[in-house]
Amino acid sequence: FTFFMHMGHVLATVNEISFYISKGGIWFMEIGNNYSIKNDYDQPACIFFS
């Protein structure tokens, strides 16, 4: 999967490794990985993925 952070910022976790990503950020993840995305901020976030 490819994720693109269109607006806002979130905390992403992939296989127990966490990182913050913000507007304009891109990250890649292989199919089959466990992941979560959490918006723990007061502003909305928008992510595109394919």
PDB file of N, CA and C in Angstrom:
ATOM      1  N   PHE A   1       0.826  -1.187   0.000  1.00  0.00           N
ATOM      2  CA  PHE A   1       0.000   0.000   0.000  1.00  0.00           C
ATOM      3  C   PHE A   1       0.870   1.251   0.000  1.00  0.00           C
ATOM      4  N   THR A   2       0.369   2.305  -0.590  1.00  0.00           N
ATOM      5  CA  THR A   2       1.004   3.618  -0.547  1.00  0.00           C
ATOM      6  C   THR A   2       0.029   4.577   0.114  1.00  0.00           C
ATOM      7  N   PHE A   3       0.504   5.319   1.101  1.00  0.00           N
ATOM      8  CA  PHE A   3      -0.314   6.289   1.818  1.00  0.00           C
ATOM      9  C   PHE A   3       0.230   7.692   1.568  1.00  0.00           C
ATOM     10  N   PHE A   4      -0.660   8.638   1.318  1.00  0.00           N
ATOM     11  CA  PHE A   4      -0.282  10.039   1.135  1.00  0.00           C
ATOM     12  C   PHE A   4      -1.095  10.878   2.104  1.00  0.00           C
ATOM     13  N   MET A   5      -0.419  11.652   2.925  1.00  0.00           N
ATOM     14  CA  MET A   5      -1.068  12.513   3.915  1.00  0.00           C
ATOM     15  C   MET A   5      -1.426  13.830   3.249  1.00  0.00           C
ATOM     16  N   HIS A   6      -2.705  14.000   2.905  1.00  0.00           N
ATOM     17  CA  HIS A   6      -3.172  15.190   2.186  1.00  0.00           C
ATOM     18  C   HIS A   6      -3.273  16.407   3.101  1.00  0.00           C
ATOM     19  N   MET A   7      -3.798  16.215   4.319  1.00  0.00           N
ATOM     20  CA  MET A   7      -3.876  17.327   5.275  1.00  0.00           C
ATOM     21  C   MET A   7      -3.895  16.782   6.687  1.00  0.00           C
ATOM     22  N   GLY A   8      -3.464  17.608   7.622  1.00  0.00           N
ATOM     23  CA  GLY A   8      -3.421  17.210   9.029  1.00  0.00           C
ATOM     24  C   GLY A   8      -2.180  16.414   9.356  1.00  0.00           C
ATOM     25  N   HIS A   9      -2.219  15.738  10.499  1.00  0.00           N
ATOM     26  CA  HIS A   9      -1.146  14.838  10.897  1.00  0.00           C
ATOM     27  C   HIS A   9      -1.722  13.758  11.802  1.00  0.00           C
ATOM     28  N   VAL A  10      -1.087  12.582  11.766  1.00  0.00           N
ATOM     29  CA  VAL A  10      -1.571  11.415  12.489  1.00  0.00           C
ATOM     30  C   VAL A  10      -0.393  10.636  13.073  1.00  0.00           C
ATOM     31  N   LEU A  11      -0.734   9.726  13.967  1.00  0.00           N
ATOM     32  CA  LEU A  11       0.224   8.759  14.484  1.00  0.00           C
ATOM     33  C   LEU A  11      -0.067   7.437  13.787  1.00  0.00           C
ATOM     34  N   ALA A  12       0.903   6.919  13.060  1.00  0.00           N
ATOM     35  CA  ALA A  12       0.748   5.642  12.361  1.00  0.00           C
ATOM     36  C   ALA A  12       1.608   4.592  13.048  1.00  0.00           C
ATOM     37  N   THR A  13       1.097   3.381  13.119  1.00  0.00           N
ATOM     38  CA  THR A  13       1.835   2.260  13.693  1.00  0.00           C
ATOM     39  C   THR A  13       1.799   1.110  12.700  1.00  0.00           C
ATOM     40  N   VAL A  14       2.981   0.582  12.374  1.00  0.00           N
ATOM     41  CA  VAL A  14       3.107  -0.567  11.482  1.00  0.00           C
ATOM     42  C   VAL A  14       3.949  -1.606  12.201  1.00  0.00           C
ATOM     43  N   ASN A  15       3.346  -2.769  12.465  1.00  0.00           N
ATOM     44  CA  ASN A  15       4.060  -3.847  13.171  1.00  0.00           C
ATOM     45  C   ASN A  15       4.768  -3.343  14.425  1.00  0.00           C
ATOM     46  N   GLU A  16       4.063  -2.623  15.260  1.00  0.00           N
ATOM     47  CA  GLU A  16       4.531  -2.124  16.558  1.00  0.00           C
ATOM     48  C   GLU A  16       5.580  -1.017  16.457  1.00  0.00           C
ATOM     49  N   ILE A  17       5.822  -0.470  15.276  1.00  0.00           N
ATOM     50  CA  ILE A  17       6.722   0.676  15.108  1.00  0.00           C
ATOM     51  C   ILE A  17       5.856   1.890  14.801  1.00  0.00           C
ATOM     52  N   SER A  18       5.919   2.901  15.684  1.00  0.00           N
ATOM     53  CA  SER A  18       5.067   4.086  15.542  1.00  0.00           C
ATOM     54  C   SER A  18       5.858   5.269  15.015  1.00  0.00           C
ATOM     55  N   PHE A  19       5.177   6.111  14.233  1.00  0.00           N
ATOM     56  CA  PHE A  19       5.791   7.327  13.712  1.00  0.00           C
ATOM     57  C   PHE A  19       4.695   8.337  13.421  1.00  0.00           C
ATOM     58  N   TYR A  20       5.059   9.613  13.485  1.00  0.00           N
ATOM     59  CA  TYR A  20       4.138  10.692  13.145  1.00  0.00           C
ATOM     60  C   TYR A  20       4.333  11.060  11.686  1.00  0.00           C
ATOM     61  N   ILE A  21       3.239  11.348  11.020  1.00  0.00           N
ATOM     62  CA  ILE A  21       3.300  11.774   9.623  1.00  0.00           C
ATOM     63  C   ILE A  21       2.394  12.980   9.464  1.00  0.00           C
ATOM     64  N   SER A  22       2.836  13.953   8.673  1.00  0.00           N
ATOM     65  CA  SER A  22       2.063  15.187   8.513  1.00  0.00           C
ATOM     66  C   SER A  22       1.863  15.499   7.034  1.00  0.00           C
ATOM     67  N   LYS A  23       1.176  16.606   6.777  1.00  0.00           N
ATOM     68  CA  LYS A  23       0.796  17.021   5.429  1.00  0.00           C
ATOM     69  C   LYS A  23       1.957  16.881   4.442  1.00  0.00           C
ATOM     70  N   GLY A  24       1.675  16.217   3.321  1.00  0.00           N
ATOM     71  CA  GLY A  24       2.681  16.017   2.283  1.00  0.00           C
ATOM     72  C   GLY A  24       3.505  14.757   2.458  1.00  0.00           C
ATOM     73  N   GLY A  25       3.360  14.079   3.595  1.00  0.00           N
ATOM     74  CA  GLY A  25       4.141  12.873   3.863  1.00  0.00           C
ATOM     75  C   GLY A  25       3.617  11.660   3.109  1.00  0.00           C
ATOM     76  N   ILE A  26       4.519  10.765   2.763  1.00  0.00           N
ATOM     77  CA  ILE A  26       4.187   9.524   2.064  1.00  0.00           C
ATOM     78  C   ILE A  26       4.868   8.374   2.789  1.00  0.00           C
ATOM     79  N   TRP A  27       4.151   7.252   2.935  1.00  0.00           N
ATOM     80  CA  TRP A  27       4.806   6.058   3.433  1.00  0.00           C
ATOM     81  C   TRP A  27       4.255   4.838   2.717  1.00  0.00           C
ATOM     82  N   PHE A  28       5.081   3.799   2.672  1.00  0.00           N
ATOM     83  CA  PHE A  28       4.763   2.573   1.957  1.00  0.00           C
ATOM     84  C   PHE A  28       4.690   1.423   2.947  1.00  0.00           C
ATOM     85  N   MET A  29       3.831   0.456   2.656  1.00  0.00           N
ATOM     86  CA  MET A  29       3.684  -0.689   3.538  1.00  0.00           C
ATOM     87  C   MET A  29       3.331  -1.909   2.690  1.00  0.00           C
ATOM     88  N   GLU A  30       3.995  -3.016   2.946  1.00  0.00           N
ATOM     89  CA  GLU A  30       3.702  -4.244   2.217  1.00  0.00           C
ATOM     90  C   GLU A  30       2.384  -4.842   2.694  1.00  0.00           C
ATOM     91  N   ILE A  31       1.686  -5.499   1.808  1.00  0.00           N
ATOM     92  CA  ILE A  31       0.442  -6.180   2.152  1.00  0.00           C
ATOM     93  C   ILE A  31       0.737  -7.250   3.199  1.00  0.00           C
ATOM     94  N   GLY A  32      -0.155  -7.384   4.167  1.00  0.00           N
ATOM     95  CA  GLY A  32      -0.008  -8.396   5.211  1.00  0.00           C
ATOM     96  C   GLY A  32       0.504  -7.854   6.529  1.00  0.00           C
ATOM     97  N   ASN A  33       0.951  -6.612   6.564  1.00  0.00           N
ATOM     98  CA  ASN A  33       1.412  -6.008   7.812  1.00  0.00           C
ATOM     99  C   ASN A  33       0.225  -5.527   8.639  1.00  0.00           C
ATOM    100  N   ASN A  34       0.356  -5.599   9.952  1.00  0.00           N
ATOM    101  CA  ASN A  34      -0.638  -5.016  10.848  1.00  0.00           C
ATOM    102  C   ASN A  34      -0.348  -3.533  10.977  1.00  0.00           C
ATOM    103  N   TYR A  35      -1.410  -2.710  10.933  1.00  0.00           N
ATOM    104  CA  TYR A  35      -1.188  -1.278  11.052  1.00  0.00           C
ATOM    105  C   TYR A  35      -2.388  -0.603  11.691  1.00  0.00           C
ATOM    106  N   SER A  36      -2.149   0.590  12.223  1.00  0.00           N
ATOM    107  CA  SER A  36      -3.228   1.445  12.722  1.00  0.00           C
ATOM    108  C   SER A  36      -2.848   2.887  12.440  1.00  0.00           C
ATOM    109  N   ILE A  37      -3.871   3.723  12.311  1.00  0.00           N
ATOM    110  CA  ILE A  37      -3.686   5.153  12.071  1.00  0.00           C
ATOM    111  C   ILE A  37      -4.583   5.877  13.051  1.00  0.00           C
ATOM    112  N   LYS A  38      -3.994   6.768  13.841  1.00  0.00           N
ATOM    113  CA  LYS A  38      -4.762   7.466  14.876  1.00  0.00           C
ATOM    114  C   LYS A  38      -4.574   8.971  14.744  1.00  0.00           C
ATOM    115  N   ASN A  39      -5.684   9.685  14.668  1.00  0.00           N
ATOM    116  CA  ASN A  39      -5.637  11.147  14.676  1.00  0.00           C
ATOM    117  C   ASN A  39      -5.938  11.588  16.101  1.00  0.00           C
ATOM    118  N   ASP A  40      -4.913  11.881  16.873  1.00  0.00           N
ATOM    119  CA  ASP A  40      -5.121  12.308  18.258  1.00  0.00           C
ATOM    120  C   ASP A  40      -4.925  13.816  18.414  1.00  0.00           C
ATOM    121  N   TYR A  41      -5.220  14.543  17.345  1.00  0.00           N
ATOM    122  CA  TYR A  41      -5.120  15.999  17.335  1.00  0.00           C
ATOM    123  C   TYR A  41      -6.510  16.605  17.184  1.00  0.00           C
ATOM    124  N   ASP A  42      -6.628  17.906  17.389  1.00  0.00           N
ATOM    125  CA  ASP A  42      -7.914  18.596  17.303  1.00  0.00           C
ATOM    126  C   ASP A  42      -8.329  18.917  15.870  1.00  0.00           C
ATOM    127  N   GLN A  43      -7.441  18.768  14.925  1.00  0.00           N
ATOM    128  CA  GLN A  43      -7.715  19.116  13.529  1.00  0.00           C
ATOM    129  C   GLN A  43      -8.025  17.857  12.713  1.00  0.00           C
ATOM    130  N   PRO A  44      -8.884  17.986  11.684  1.00  0.00           N
ATOM    131  CA  PRO A  44      -9.158  16.834  10.821  1.00  0.00           C
ATOM    132  C   PRO A  44      -7.928  16.415  10.023  1.00  0.00           C
ATOM    133  N   ALA A  45      -7.906  15.162   9.630  1.00  0.00           N
ATOM    134  CA  ALA A  45      -6.823  14.632   8.806  1.00  0.00           C
ATOM    135  C   ALA A  45      -7.435  13.934   7.599  1.00  0.00           C
ATOM    136  N   CYS A  46      -6.704  13.953   6.485  1.00  0.00           N
ATOM    137  CA  CYS A  46      -7.178  13.297   5.262  1.00  0.00           C
ATOM    138  C   CYS A  46      -6.010  12.529   4.647  1.00  0.00           C
ATOM    139  N   ILE A  47      -6.212  11.228   4.439  1.00  0.00           N
ATOM    140  CA  ILE A  47      -5.175  10.360   3.882  1.00  0.00           C
ATOM    141  C   ILE A  47      -5.731   9.679   2.639  1.00  0.00           C
ATOM    142  N   PHE A  48      -4.941   9.664   1.570  1.00  0.00           N
ATOM    143  CA  PHE A  48      -5.270   8.891   0.379  1.00  0.00           C
ATOM    144  C   PHE A  48      -4.379   7.656   0.374  1.00  0.00           C
ATOM    145  N   PHE A  49      -4.923   6.517  -0.045  1.00  0.00           N
ATOM    146  CA  PHE A  49      -4.092   5.322  -0.137  1.00  0.00           C
ATOM    147  C   PHE A  49      -4.538   4.451  -1.298  1.00  0.00           C
ATOM    148  N   SER A  50      -3.601   3.659  -1.789  1.00  0.00           N
ATOM    149  CA  SER A  50      -3.916   2.710  -2.866  1.00  0.00           C
ATOM    150  C   SER A  50      -3.043   1.480  -2.731  1.00  0.00           C
TER     151      SER A  50
END
